Structure formats: structure tokens, C-alpha cells
Amino acid sequence: MGTVSWDSEYLVVENDEGAYGTESIWDVSDPTRPEERVRLTEADGLGRTPLTNEIGPNSRTSYVFTPGSEDATVLDLDAGEVATRIDLGGQAFTGT
């Protein structure tokens, strides 16, 4: 799954790799030259088994649904890092 930010600057992609999956943040401000900025893993604070994501209306925050850890990982897209995780008290597979 991939989601483009409202301002068309970022693309956030879940990757089914490694033990628990990874999340990529791409710079797509020039669509003819997309560039992967960072690939986040559990070691970076990413929750387990990222499945899908939504991007906030400010285009600076992504909410990654990680059912393997029963939370949502919040990404700071400008910094290219995990900002926090939100305990959902169970598995979530989608969100809006």
C-alpha cells in the first residue's frame, strides 16, 4: 500500500520484509525523480507488521496501522522518523 501526502511531497509505503515489516518515506515532490528518504524498522520505533497508512491533512504526519503490535505508529514525515505510537487496545487494519 502506498499513500501520497495531500501536498504531493511524500509517499509512504509499507514493505513486507524482515521479521516485522518496514515503512518507507519517499520524496515525490518531483514525480519524475522519486527518492526514498528513509526506511524505518522496528529498531526505529515502528510497530510490527505495518499494513496501511493514512496521512493527516497537514501532509506532515502519517498514521501507520500496525496490527502486529496493536497500535498505530505516528511518523513525522519532515523529520523522517517515528514521532510516537498510539495504543489501540487491539488490532486495527484500516483507518481514515
PDB file of N, CA and C in Angstrom:
ATOM      1  N   MET A   1       0.854  -1.178   0.000  1.00  0.00           N
ATOM      2  CA  MET A   1       0.000   0.000   0.000  1.00  0.00           C
ATOM      3  C   MET A   1       0.890   1.227   0.000  1.00  0.00           C
ATOM      4  N   GLY A   2       0.516   2.208  -0.727  1.00  0.00           N
ATOM      5  CA  GLY A   2       1.234   3.473  -0.739  1.00  0.00           C
ATOM      6  C   GLY A   2       0.246   4.621  -0.665  1.00  0.00           C
ATOM      7  N   THR A   3       0.592   5.662   0.095  1.00  0.00           N
ATOM      8  CA  THR A   3      -0.267   6.827   0.240  1.00  0.00           C
ATOM      9  C   THR A   3       0.557   8.076  -0.032  1.00  0.00           C
ATOM     10  N   VAL A   4       0.018   8.951  -0.882  1.00  0.00           N
ATOM     11  CA  VAL A   4       0.683  10.216  -1.205  1.00  0.00           C
ATOM     12  C   VAL A   4       0.091  11.313  -0.331  1.00  0.00           C
ATOM     13  N   SER A   5       0.970  12.185   0.172  1.00  0.00           N
ATOM     14  CA  SER A   5       0.504  13.295   1.009  1.00  0.00           C
ATOM     15  C   SER A   5      -0.342  14.263   0.184  1.00  0.00           C
ATOM     16  N   TRP A   6      -1.186  15.002   0.892  1.00  0.00           N
ATOM     17  CA  TRP A   6      -2.101  15.941   0.248  1.00  0.00           C
ATOM     18  C   TRP A   6      -1.366  16.970  -0.609  1.00  0.00           C
ATOM     19  N   ASP A   7      -0.150  17.344  -0.202  1.00  0.00           N
ATOM     20  CA  ASP A   7       0.611  18.337  -0.961  1.00  0.00           C
ATOM     21  C   ASP A   7       1.506  17.703  -2.032  1.00  0.00           C
ATOM     22  N   SER A   8       1.389  16.385  -2.208  1.00  0.00           N
ATOM     23  CA  SER A   8       2.143  15.625  -3.226  1.00  0.00           C
ATOM     24  C   SER A   8       3.649  15.656  -3.010  1.00  0.00           C
ATOM     25  N   GLU A   9       4.082  15.875  -1.777  1.00  0.00           N
ATOM     26  CA  GLU A   9       5.514  15.915  -1.471  1.00  0.00           C
ATOM     27  C   GLU A   9       6.054  14.555  -1.025  1.00  0.00           C
ATOM     28  N   TYR A  10       5.220  13.768  -0.311  1.00  0.00           N
ATOM     29  CA  TYR A  10       5.670  12.498   0.262  1.00  0.00           C
ATOM     30  C   TYR A  10       4.816  11.328  -0.214  1.00  0.00           C
ATOM     31  N   LEU A  11       5.449  10.163  -0.265  1.00  0.00           N
ATOM     32  CA  LEU A  11       4.778   8.886  -0.482  1.00  0.00           C
ATOM     33  C   LEU A  11       5.224   7.981   0.659  1.00  0.00           C
ATOM     34  N   VAL A  12       4.258   7.348   1.330  1.00  0.00           N
ATOM     35  CA  VAL A  12       4.555   6.445   2.440  1.00  0.00           C
ATOM     36  C   VAL A  12       4.136   5.041   2.006  1.00  0.00           C
ATOM     37  N   VAL A  13       5.078   4.063   2.143  1.00  0.00           N
ATOM     38  CA  VAL A  13       4.861   2.711   1.616  1.00  0.00           C
ATOM     39  C   VAL A  13       5.213   1.666   2.665  1.00  0.00           C
ATOM     40  N   GLU A  14       4.310   0.671   2.837  1.00  0.00           N
ATOM     41  CA  GLU A  14       4.591  -0.467   3.695  1.00  0.00           C
ATOM     42  C   GLU A  14       5.352  -1.515   2.889  1.00  0.00           C
ATOM     43  N   ASN A  15       6.348  -2.107   3.522  1.00  0.00           N
ATOM     44  CA  ASN A  15       7.163  -3.127   2.866  1.00  0.00           C
ATOM     45  C   ASN A  15       7.111  -4.420   3.678  1.00  0.00           C
ATOM     46  N   ASP A  16       6.778  -5.508   3.014  1.00  0.00           N
ATOM     47  CA  ASP A  16       6.711  -6.818   3.669  1.00  0.00           C
ATOM     48  C   ASP A  16       8.099  -7.448   3.601  1.00  0.00           C
ATOM     49  N   GLU A  17       8.961  -7.021   4.529  1.00  0.00           N
ATOM     50  CA  GLU A  17      10.329  -7.527   4.549  1.00  0.00           C
ATOM     51  C   GLU A  17      10.818  -7.610   5.982  1.00  0.00           C
ATOM     52  N   GLY A  18      11.818  -8.422   6.199  1.00  0.00           N
ATOM     53  CA  GLY A  18      12.364  -8.587   7.538  1.00  0.00           C
ATOM     54  C   GLY A  18      11.373  -9.318   8.434  1.00  0.00           C
ATOM     55  N   ALA A  19      11.678  -9.366   9.707  1.00  0.00           N
ATOM     56  CA  ALA A  19      10.844 -10.110  10.655  1.00  0.00           C
ATOM     57  C   ALA A  19       9.478  -9.463  10.872  1.00  0.00           C
ATOM     58  N   TYR A  20       9.410  -8.117  10.856  1.00  0.00           N
ATOM     59  CA  TYR A  20       8.163  -7.431  11.215  1.00  0.00           C
ATOM     60  C   TYR A  20       7.718  -6.375  10.206  1.00  0.00           C
ATOM     61  N   GLY A  21       8.355  -6.286   9.050  1.00  0.00           N
ATOM     62  CA  GLY A  21       7.981  -5.293   8.051  1.00  0.00           C
ATOM     63  C   GLY A  21       8.693  -3.966   8.263  1.00  0.00           C
ATOM     64  N   THR A  22       8.670  -3.148   7.232  1.00  0.00           N
ATOM     65  CA  THR A  22       9.293  -1.823   7.284  1.00  0.00           C
ATOM     66  C   THR A  22       8.359  -0.799   6.645  1.00  0.00           C
ATOM     67  N   GLU A  23       8.697   0.465   6.812  1.00  0.00           N
ATOM     68  CA  GLU A  23       7.913   1.569   6.251  1.00  0.00           C
ATOM     69  C   GLU A  23       8.875   2.534   5.578  1.00  0.00           C
ATOM     70  N   SER A  24       8.597   2.879   4.318  1.00  0.00           N
ATOM     71  CA  SER A  24       9.450   3.801   3.566  1.00  0.00           C
ATOM     72  C   SER A  24       8.778   5.153   3.433  1.00  0.00           C
ATOM     73  N   ILE A  25       9.566   6.195   3.539  1.00  0.00           N
ATOM     74  CA  ILE A  25       9.108   7.549   3.239  1.00  0.00           C
ATOM     75  C   ILE A  25       9.872   8.013   2.008  1.00  0.00           C
ATOM     76  N   TRP A  26       9.126   8.334   0.967  1.00  0.00           N
ATOM     77  CA  TRP A  26       9.698   8.772  -0.296  1.00  0.00           C
ATOM     78  C   TRP A  26       9.442  10.252  -0.511  1.00  0.00           C
ATOM     79  N   ASP A  27      10.396  10.929  -1.125  1.00  0.00           N
ATOM     80  CA  ASP A  27      10.216  12.295  -1.602  1.00  0.00           C
ATOM     81  C   ASP A  27       9.743  12.180  -3.050  1.00  0.00           C
ATOM     82  N   VAL A  28       8.510  12.603  -3.294  1.00  0.00           N
ATOM     83  CA  VAL A  28       7.952  12.553  -4.655  1.00  0.00           C
ATOM     84  C   VAL A  28       7.592  13.956  -5.144  1.00  0.00           C
ATOM     85  N   SER A  29       8.250  14.967  -4.568  1.00  0.00           N
ATOM     86  CA  SER A  29       7.971  16.344  -4.973  1.00  0.00           C
ATOM     87  C   SER A  29       8.272  16.562  -6.452  1.00  0.00           C
ATOM     88  N   ASP A  30       9.227  15.811  -6.983  1.00  0.00           N
ATOM     89  CA  ASP A  30       9.462  15.765  -8.421  1.00  0.00           C
ATOM     90  C   ASP A  30       9.085  14.351  -8.865  1.00  0.00           C
ATOM     91  N   PRO A  31       7.874  14.175  -9.402  1.00  0.00           N
ATOM     92  CA  PRO A  31       7.404  12.827  -9.716  1.00  0.00           C
ATOM     93  C   PRO A  31       8.235  12.086 -10.759  1.00  0.00           C
ATOM     94  N   THR A  32       9.077  12.791 -11.482  1.00  0.00           N
ATOM     95  CA  THR A  32       9.939  12.113 -12.449  1.00  0.00           C
ATOM     96  C   THR A  32      11.206  11.571 -11.793  1.00  0.00           C
ATOM     97  N   ARG A  33      11.449  11.963 -10.526  1.00  0.00           N
ATOM     98  CA  ARG A  33      12.648  11.515  -9.805  1.00  0.00           C
ATOM     99  C   ARG A  33      12.317  11.193  -8.349  1.00  0.00           C
ATOM    100  N   PRO A  34      11.469  10.175  -8.108  1.00  0.00           N
ATOM    101  CA  PRO A  34      11.171   9.809  -6.721  1.00  0.00           C
ATOM    102  C   PRO A  34      12.431   9.311  -6.019  1.00  0.00           C
ATOM    103  N   GLU A  35      12.533   9.649  -4.734  1.00  0.00           N
ATOM    104  CA  GLU A  35      13.725   9.269  -3.974  1.00  0.00           C
ATOM    105  C   GLU A  35      13.316   8.765  -2.585  1.00  0.00           C
ATOM    106  N   GLU A  36      13.750   7.569  -2.255  1.00  0.00           N
ATOM    107  CA  GLU A  36      13.478   7.047  -0.921  1.00  0.00           C
ATOM    108  C   GLU A  36      14.340   7.809   0.079  1.00  0.00           C
ATOM    109  N   ARG A  37      13.688   8.461   1.047  1.00  0.00           N
ATOM    110  CA  ARG A  37      14.397   9.240   2.065  1.00  0.00           C
ATOM    111  C   ARG A  37      14.855   8.368   3.217  1.00  0.00           C
ATOM    112  N   VAL A  38      13.979   7.442   3.653  1.00  0.00           N
ATOM    113  CA  VAL A  38      14.295   6.620   4.820  1.00  0.00           C
ATOM    114  C   VAL A  38      13.438   5.357   4.766  1.00  0.00           C
ATOM    115  N   ARG A  39      13.956   4.284   5.336  1.00  0.00           N
ATOM    116  CA  ARG A  39      13.214   3.031   5.501  1.00  0.00           C
ATOM    117  C   ARG A  39      13.266   2.695   6.986  1.00  0.00           C
ATOM    118  N   LEU A  40      12.119   2.812   7.653  1.00  0.00           N
ATOM    119  CA  LEU A  40      12.034   2.630   9.097  1.00  0.00           C
ATOM    120  C   LEU A  40      11.749   1.177   9.447  1.00  0.00           C
ATOM    121  N   THR A  41      12.335   0.725  10.567  1.00  0.00           N
ATOM    122  CA  THR A  41      12.178  -0.647  11.041  1.00  0.00           C
ATOM    123  C   THR A  41      11.729  -0.620  12.508  1.00  0.00           C
ATOM    124  N   GLU A  42      11.554  -1.796  13.073  1.00  0.00           N
ATOM    125  CA  GLU A  42      11.210  -1.890  14.488  1.00  0.00           C
ATOM    126  C   GLU A  42      12.290  -1.221  15.353  1.00  0.00           C
ATOM    127  N   ALA A  43      13.532  -1.303  14.939  1.00  0.00           N
ATOM    128  CA  ALA A  43      14.630  -0.666  15.681  1.00  0.00           C
ATOM    129  C   ALA A  43      14.470   0.856  15.735  1.00  0.00           C
ATOM    130  N   ASP A  44      13.747   1.426  14.768  1.00  0.00           N
ATOM    131  CA  ASP A  44      13.492   2.873  14.738  1.00  0.00           C
ATOM    132  C   ASP A  44      12.238   3.248  15.524  1.00  0.00           C
ATOM    133  N   GLY A  45      11.522   2.238  16.070  1.00  0.00           N
ATOM    134  CA  GLY A  45      10.298   2.501  16.820  1.00  0.00           C
ATOM    135  C   GLY A  45       9.029   2.155  16.064  1.00  0.00           C
ATOM    136  N   LEU A  46       9.158   1.651  14.850  1.00  0.00           N
ATOM    137  CA  LEU A  46       7.988   1.273  14.051  1.00  0.00           C
ATOM    138  C   LEU A  46       7.298   0.076  14.680  1.00  0.00           C
ATOM    139  N   GLY A  47       5.962   0.092  14.722  1.00  0.00           N
ATOM    140  CA  GLY A  47       5.203  -1.048  15.209  1.00  0.00           C
ATOM    141  C   GLY A  47       5.342  -2.232  14.265  1.00  0.00           C
ATOM    142  N   ARG A  48       4.884  -3.398  14.721  1.00  0.00           N
ATOM    143  CA  ARG A  48       5.037  -4.634  13.948  1.00  0.00           C
ATOM    144  C   ARG A  48       3.964  -4.805  12.881  1.00  0.00           C
ATOM    145  N   THR A  49       4.397  -5.327  11.753  1.00  0.00           N
ATOM    146  CA  THR A  49       3.574  -5.658  10.574  1.00  0.00           C
ATOM    147  C   THR A  49       2.757  -4.474  10.059  1.00  0.00           C
ATOM    148  N   PRO A  50       3.427  -3.419   9.616  1.00  0.00           N
ATOM    149  CA  PRO A  50       2.708  -2.288   9.036  1.00  0.00           C
ATOM    150  C   PRO A  50       1.855  -2.770   7.864  1.00  0.00           C
ATOM    151  N   LEU A  51       0.591  -2.349   7.866  1.00  0.00           N
ATOM    152  CA  LEU A  51      -0.361  -2.844   6.881  1.00  0.00           C
ATOM    153  C   LEU A  51      -0.849  -1.756   5.941  1.00  0.00           C
ATOM    154  N   THR A  52      -1.177  -0.608   6.472  1.00  0.00           N
ATOM    155  CA  THR A  52      -1.670   0.504   5.673  1.00  0.00           C
ATOM    156  C   THR A  52      -1.422   1.785   6.449  1.00  0.00           C
ATOM    157  N   ASN A  53      -1.643   2.922   5.810  1.00  0.00           N
ATOM    158  CA  ASN A  53      -1.436   4.190   6.491  1.00  0.00           C
ATOM    159  C   ASN A  53      -2.373   5.251   5.945  1.00  0.00           C
ATOM    160  N   GLU A  54      -2.507   6.288   6.713  1.00  0.00           N
ATOM    161  CA  GLU A  54      -3.223   7.498   6.300  1.00  0.00           C
ATOM    162  C   GLU A  54      -2.312   8.680   6.601  1.00  0.00           C
ATOM    163  N   ILE A  55      -2.465   9.746   5.829  1.00  0.00           N
ATOM    164  CA  ILE A  55      -1.666  10.947   6.033  1.00  0.00           C
ATOM    165  C   ILE A  55      -2.596  12.068   6.445  1.00  0.00           C
ATOM    166  N   GLY A  56      -2.205  12.777   7.509  1.00  0.00           N
ATOM    167  CA  GLY A  56      -3.019  13.879   8.018  1.00  0.00           C
ATOM    168  C   GLY A  56      -3.144  15.003   7.007  1.00  0.00           C
ATOM    169  N   PRO A  57      -4.151  15.851   7.164  1.00  0.00           N
ATOM    170  CA  PRO A  57      -4.412  16.918   6.200  1.00  0.00           C
ATOM    171  C   PRO A  57      -3.298  17.959   6.101  1.00  0.00           C
ATOM    172  N   ASN A  58      -2.397  18.005   7.096  1.00  0.00           N
ATOM    173  CA  ASN A  58      -1.281  18.954   7.025  1.00  0.00           C
ATOM    174  C   ASN A  58      -0.116  18.408   6.199  1.00  0.00           C
ATOM    175  N   SER A  59      -0.225  17.143   5.749  1.00  0.00           N
ATOM    176  CA  SER A  59       0.808  16.482   4.933  1.00  0.00           C
ATOM    177  C   SER A  59       2.137  16.315   5.656  1.00  0.00           C
ATOM    178  N   ARG A  60       2.147  16.386   6.975  1.00  0.00           N
ATOM    179  CA  ARG A  60       3.389  16.278   7.732  1.00  0.00           C
ATOM    180  C   ARG A  60       3.402  15.091   8.673  1.00  0.00           C
ATOM    181  N   THR A  61       2.248  14.415   8.821  1.00  0.00           N
ATOM    182  CA  THR A  61       2.115  13.308   9.757  1.00  0.00           C
ATOM    183  C   THR A  61       1.458  12.131   9.060  1.00  0.00           C
ATOM    184  N   SER A  62       2.007  10.938   9.284  1.00  0.00           N
ATOM    185  CA  SER A  62       1.398   9.717   8.764  1.00  0.00           C
ATOM    186  C   SER A  62       1.070   8.802   9.934  1.00  0.00           C
ATOM    187  N   TYR A  63      -0.071   8.129   9.847  1.00  0.00           N
ATOM    188  CA  TYR A  63      -0.518   7.183  10.865  1.00  0.00           C
ATOM    189  C   TYR A  63      -0.470   5.794  10.238  1.00  0.00           C
ATOM    190  N   VAL A  64       0.450   4.964  10.697  1.00  0.00           N
ATOM    191  CA  VAL A  64       0.663   3.634  10.130  1.00  0.00           C
ATOM    192  C   VAL A  64      -0.021   2.611  11.031  1.00  0.00           C
ATOM    193  N   PHE A  65      -0.937   1.836  10.464  1.00  0.00           N
ATOM    194  CA  PHE A  65      -1.650   0.819  11.232  1.00  0.00           C
ATOM    195  C   PHE A  65      -0.803  -0.444  11.278  1.00  0.00           C
ATOM    196  N   THR A  66      -0.439  -0.825  12.502  1.00  0.00           N
ATOM    197  CA  THR A  66       0.484  -1.937  12.734  1.00  0.00           C
ATOM    198  C   THR A  66      -0.203  -2.976  13.617  1.00  0.00           C
ATOM    199  N   PRO A  67      -1.016  -3.856  13.006  1.00  0.00           N
ATOM    200  CA  PRO A  67      -1.785  -4.817  13.795  1.00  0.00           C
ATOM    201  C   PRO A  67      -0.935  -5.790  14.597  1.00  0.00           C
ATOM    202  N   GLY A  68       0.291  -6.022  14.207  1.00  0.00           N
ATOM    203  CA  GLY A  68       1.150  -6.944  14.945  1.00  0.00           C
ATOM    204  C   GLY A  68       1.536  -6.444  16.316  1.00  0.00           C
ATOM    205  N   SER A  69       1.441  -5.144  16.543  1.00  0.00           N
ATOM    206  CA  SER A  69       1.738  -4.580  17.865  1.00  0.00           C
ATOM    207  C   SER A  69       0.526  -3.852  18.443  1.00  0.00           C
ATOM    208  N   GLU A  70      -0.630  -4.005  17.785  1.00  0.00           N
ATOM    209  CA  GLU A  70      -1.896  -3.452  18.267  1.00  0.00           C
ATOM    210  C   GLU A  70      -1.816  -1.954  18.549  1.00  0.00           C
ATOM    211  N   ASP A  71      -1.178  -1.230  17.620  1.00  0.00           N
ATOM    212  CA  ASP A  71      -1.091   0.216  17.766  1.00  0.00           C
ATOM    213  C   ASP A  71      -1.022   0.875  16.399  1.00  0.00           C
ATOM    214  N   ALA A  72      -0.941   2.185  16.412  1.00  0.00           N
ATOM    215  CA  ALA A  72      -0.672   2.956  15.199  1.00  0.00           C
ATOM    216  C   ALA A  72       0.627   3.704  15.441  1.00  0.00           C
ATOM    217  N   THR A  73       1.533   3.609  14.478  1.00  0.00           N
ATOM    218  CA  THR A  73       2.797   4.325  14.575  1.00  0.00           C
ATOM    219  C   THR A  73       2.622   5.677  13.895  1.00  0.00           C
ATOM    220  N   VAL A  74       2.972   6.738  14.577  1.00  0.00           N
ATOM    221  CA  VAL A  74       2.852   8.087  14.041  1.00  0.00           C
ATOM    222  C   VAL A  74       4.215   8.512  13.507  1.00  0.00           C
ATOM    223  N   LEU A  75       4.254   8.871  12.231  1.00  0.00           N
ATOM    224  CA  LEU A  75       5.503   9.295  11.599  1.00  0.00           C
ATOM    225  C   LEU A  75       5.528  10.804  11.396  1.00  0.00           C
ATOM    226  N   ASP A  76       6.664  11.407  11.669  1.00  0.00           N
ATOM    227  CA  ASP A  76       6.930  12.795  11.316  1.00  0.00           C
ATOM    228  C   ASP A  76       7.581  12.734   9.940  1.00  0.00           C
ATOM    229  N   LEU A  77       6.833  13.124   8.916  1.00  0.00           N
ATOM    230  CA  LEU A  77       7.335  12.967   7.551  1.00  0.00           C
ATOM    231  C   LEU A  77       8.496  13.907   7.248  1.00  0.00           C
ATOM    232  N   ASP A  78       8.470  15.126   7.773  1.00  0.00           N
ATOM    233  CA  ASP A  78       9.577  16.057   7.525  1.00  0.00           C
ATOM    234  C   ASP A  78      10.879  15.538   8.135  1.00  0.00           C
ATOM    235  N   ALA A  79      10.804  15.033   9.370  1.00  0.00           N
ATOM    236  CA  ALA A  79      11.997  14.529  10.054  1.00  0.00           C
ATOM    237  C   ALA A  79      12.381  13.132   9.569  1.00  0.00           C
ATOM    238  N   GLY A  80      11.417  12.404   8.998  1.00  0.00           N
ATOM    239  CA  GLY A  80      11.692  11.042   8.541  1.00  0.00           C
ATOM    240  C   GLY A  80      11.901  10.078   9.689  1.00  0.00           C
ATOM    241  N   GLU A  81      11.066  10.216  10.741  1.00  0.00           N
ATOM    242  CA  GLU A  81      11.247   9.369  11.914  1.00  0.00           C
ATOM    243  C   GLU A  81       9.921   9.088  12.607  1.00  0.00           C
ATOM    244  N   VAL A  82       9.963   8.107  13.500  1.00  0.00           N
ATOM    245  CA  VAL A  82       8.806   7.788  14.318  1.00  0.00           C
ATOM    246  C   VAL A  82       8.652   8.876  15.379  1.00  0.00           C
ATOM    247  N   ALA A  83       7.451   9.470  15.452  1.00  0.00           N
ATOM    248  CA  ALA A  83       7.184  10.506  16.451  1.00  0.00           C
ATOM    249  C   ALA A  83       6.660   9.889  17.742  1.00  0.00           C
ATOM    250  N   THR A  84       5.758   8.922  17.604  1.00  0.00           N
ATOM    251  CA  THR A  84       5.174   8.253  18.761  1.00  0.00           C
ATOM    252  C   THR A  84       4.379   7.053  18.272  1.00  0.00           C
ATOM    253  N   ARG A  85       3.823   6.303  19.215  1.00  0.00           N
ATOM    254  CA  ARG A  85       2.903   5.211  18.882  1.00  0.00           C
ATOM    255  C   ARG A  85       1.664   5.367  19.739  1.00  0.00           C
ATOM    256  N   ILE A  86       0.521   5.041  19.151  1.00  0.00           N
ATOM    257  CA  ILE A  86      -0.756   5.160  19.838  1.00  0.00           C
ATOM    258  C   ILE A  86      -1.295   3.755  20.085  1.00  0.00           C
ATOM    259  N   ASP A  87      -1.465   3.396  21.352  1.00  0.00           N
ATOM    260  CA  ASP A  87      -2.020   2.089  21.719  1.00  0.00           C
ATOM    261  C   ASP A  87      -3.489   2.061  21.324  1.00  0.00           C
ATOM    262  N   LEU A  88      -3.876   1.094  20.515  1.00  0.00           N
ATOM    263  CA  LEU A  88      -5.254   0.976  20.060  1.00  0.00           C
ATOM    264  C   LEU A  88      -6.041  -0.051  20.864  1.00  0.00           C
ATOM    265  N   GLY A  89      -5.384  -0.786  21.735  1.00  0.00           N
ATOM    266  CA  GLY A  89      -6.062  -1.756  22.554  1.00  0.00           C
ATOM    267  C   GLY A  89      -6.545  -2.975  21.770  1.00  0.00           C
ATOM    268  N   GLY A  90      -6.035  -3.162  20.602  1.00  0.00           N
ATOM    269  CA  GLY A  90      -6.398  -4.282  19.733  1.00  0.00           C
ATOM    270  C   GLY A  90      -5.884  -4.017  18.339  1.00  0.00           C
ATOM    271  N   GLN A  91      -6.124  -4.954  17.451  1.00  0.00           N
ATOM    272  CA  GLN A  91      -5.617  -4.840  16.090  1.00  0.00           C
ATOM    273  C   GLN A  91      -6.501  -3.921  15.240  1.00  0.00           C
ATOM    274  N   ALA A  92      -5.877  -3.045  14.490  1.00  0.00           N
ATOM    275  CA  ALA A  92      -6.575  -2.187  13.535  1.00  0.00           C
ATOM    276  C   ALA A  92      -5.983  -2.458  12.161  1.00  0.00           C
ATOM    277  N   PHE A  93      -6.837  -2.554  11.190  1.00  0.00           N
ATOM    278  CA  PHE A  93      -6.404  -2.879   9.840  1.00  0.00           C
ATOM    279  C   PHE A  93      -6.617  -1.734   8.860  1.00  0.00           C
ATOM    280  N   THR A  94      -7.452  -0.755   9.210  1.00  0.00           N
ATOM    281  CA  THR A  94      -7.687   0.393   8.360  1.00  0.00           C
ATOM    282  C   THR A  94      -8.016   1.599   9.227  1.00  0.00           C
ATOM    283  N   GLY A  95      -8.019   2.766   8.639  1.00  0.00           N
ATOM    284  CA  GLY A  95      -8.406   3.984   9.347  1.00  0.00           C
ATOM    285  C   GLY A  95      -8.647   5.093   8.360  1.00  0.00           C
ATOM    286  N   THR A  96      -9.274   6.135   8.815  1.00  0.00           N
ATOM    287  CA  THR A  96      -9.496   7.312   7.969  1.00  0.00           C
ATOM    288  C   THR A  96      -9.196   8.565   8.754  1.00  0.00           C
TER     289      THR A  96
END
